[in-house]
């Protein structure tokens, strides 16, 4: 079975780098949501933020 990735070399990342990238992506998602949701639904954003800190 060909995956199309046979010619790519794997990246050597530490667990810290992976977690930091995951957090940065989550933070970016939250920032975009905050820009798009009305002020009255801030609780959703806080809930997402709390969830990211639990991961």
C-alpha atoms as a PDB file:
ATOM      1  CA  UNK A   1       0.000   0.000   0.000  1.00  0.00           C
ATOM      2  CA  UNK A   2       1.528   3.323  -1.067  1.00  0.00           C
ATOM      3  CA  UNK A   3       0.950   6.291   1.214  1.00  0.00           C
ATOM      4  CA  UNK A   4       2.714   8.912  -0.870  1.00  0.00           C
ATOM      5  CA  UNK A   5       5.135   9.672   1.947  1.00  0.00           C
ATOM      6  CA  UNK A   6       7.854   7.160   1.076  1.00  0.00           C
ATOM      7  CA  UNK A   7      10.157   9.926  -0.199  1.00  0.00           C
ATOM      8  CA  UNK A   8       9.841  12.140   2.907  1.00  0.00           C
ATOM      9  CA  UNK A   9      12.285  12.069   5.789  1.00  0.00           C
ATOM     10  CA  UNK A  10      10.746  12.027   9.279  1.00  0.00           C
ATOM     11  CA  UNK A  11      11.243  15.021  11.559  1.00  0.00           C
ATOM     12  CA  UNK A  12      12.979  14.532  14.875  1.00  0.00           C
ATOM     13  CA  UNK A  13      10.861  16.426  17.403  1.00  0.00           C
ATOM     14  CA  UNK A  14      10.956  16.347  21.153  1.00  0.00           C
ATOM     15  CA  UNK A  15       7.771  15.830  23.127  1.00  0.00           C
ATOM     16  CA  UNK A  16       8.115  19.427  24.346  1.00  0.00           C
ATOM     17  CA  UNK A  17       8.121  20.707  20.738  1.00  0.00           C
ATOM     18  CA  UNK A  18       5.055  18.636  19.881  1.00  0.00           C
ATOM     19  CA  UNK A  19       3.132  19.858  22.944  1.00  0.00           C
ATOM     20  CA  UNK A  20       4.174  23.476  22.272  1.00  0.00           C
ATOM     21  CA  UNK A  21       3.001  23.249  18.655  1.00  0.00           C
ATOM     22  CA  UNK A  22      -0.299  21.713  19.767  1.00  0.00           C
ATOM     23  CA  UNK A  23      -0.791  24.519  22.284  1.00  0.00           C
ATOM     24  CA  UNK A  24       0.081  27.175  19.676  1.00  0.00           C
ATOM     25  CA  UNK A  25      -2.444  25.704  17.241  1.00  0.00           C
ATOM     26  CA  UNK A  26      -5.098  25.662  19.967  1.00  0.00           C
ATOM     27  CA  UNK A  27      -4.303  29.248  20.948  1.00  0.00           C
ATOM     28  CA  UNK A  28      -4.574  30.324  17.297  1.00  0.00           C
ATOM     29  CA  UNK A  29      -7.950  28.569  17.019  1.00  0.00           C
ATOM     30  CA  UNK A  30      -9.226  30.322  20.146  1.00  0.00           C
ATOM     31  CA  UNK A  31      -8.031  33.699  18.866  1.00  0.00           C
ATOM     32  CA  UNK A  32      -9.895  33.164  15.591  1.00  0.00           C
ATOM     33  CA  UNK A  33     -13.032  32.124  17.471  1.00  0.00           C
ATOM     34  CA  UNK A  34     -12.857  35.199  19.690  1.00  0.00           C
ATOM     35  CA  UNK A  35     -12.698  37.385  16.590  1.00  0.00           C
ATOM     36  CA  UNK A  36     -15.805  35.714  15.153  1.00  0.00           C
ATOM     37  CA  UNK A  37     -18.152  35.218  18.098  1.00  0.00           C
ATOM     38  CA  UNK A  38     -20.262  37.883  19.756  1.00  0.00           C
ATOM     39  CA  UNK A  39     -19.247  39.165  23.180  1.00  0.00           C
ATOM     40  CA  UNK A  40     -22.140  37.351  24.869  1.00  0.00           C
ATOM     41  CA  UNK A  41     -20.670  33.919  24.164  1.00  0.00           C
ATOM     42  CA  UNK A  42     -17.354  34.415  25.917  1.00  0.00           C
ATOM     43  CA  UNK A  43     -18.139  31.427  28.133  1.00  0.00           C
ATOM     44  CA  UNK A  44     -17.586  29.142  25.102  1.00  0.00           C
ATOM     45  CA  UNK A  45     -14.122  30.550  24.635  1.00  0.00           C
ATOM     46  CA  UNK A  46     -13.282  30.150  28.308  1.00  0.00           C
ATOM     47  CA  UNK A  47     -14.488  26.565  28.197  1.00  0.00           C
ATOM     48  CA  UNK A  48     -12.239  25.823  25.202  1.00  0.00           C
ATOM     49  CA  UNK A  49      -9.288  27.467  26.930  1.00  0.00           C
ATOM     50  CA  UNK A  50      -9.819  25.378  30.051  1.00  0.00           C
ATOM     51  CA  UNK A  51     -10.045  22.240  27.927  1.00  0.00           C
ATOM     52  CA  UNK A  52      -6.709  23.029  26.240  1.00  0.00           C
ATOM     53  CA  UNK A  53      -5.013  23.464  29.587  1.00  0.00           C
ATOM     54  CA  UNK A  54      -6.282  20.021  30.641  1.00  0.00           C
ATOM     55  CA  UNK A  55      -4.671  18.298  27.659  1.00  0.00           C
END
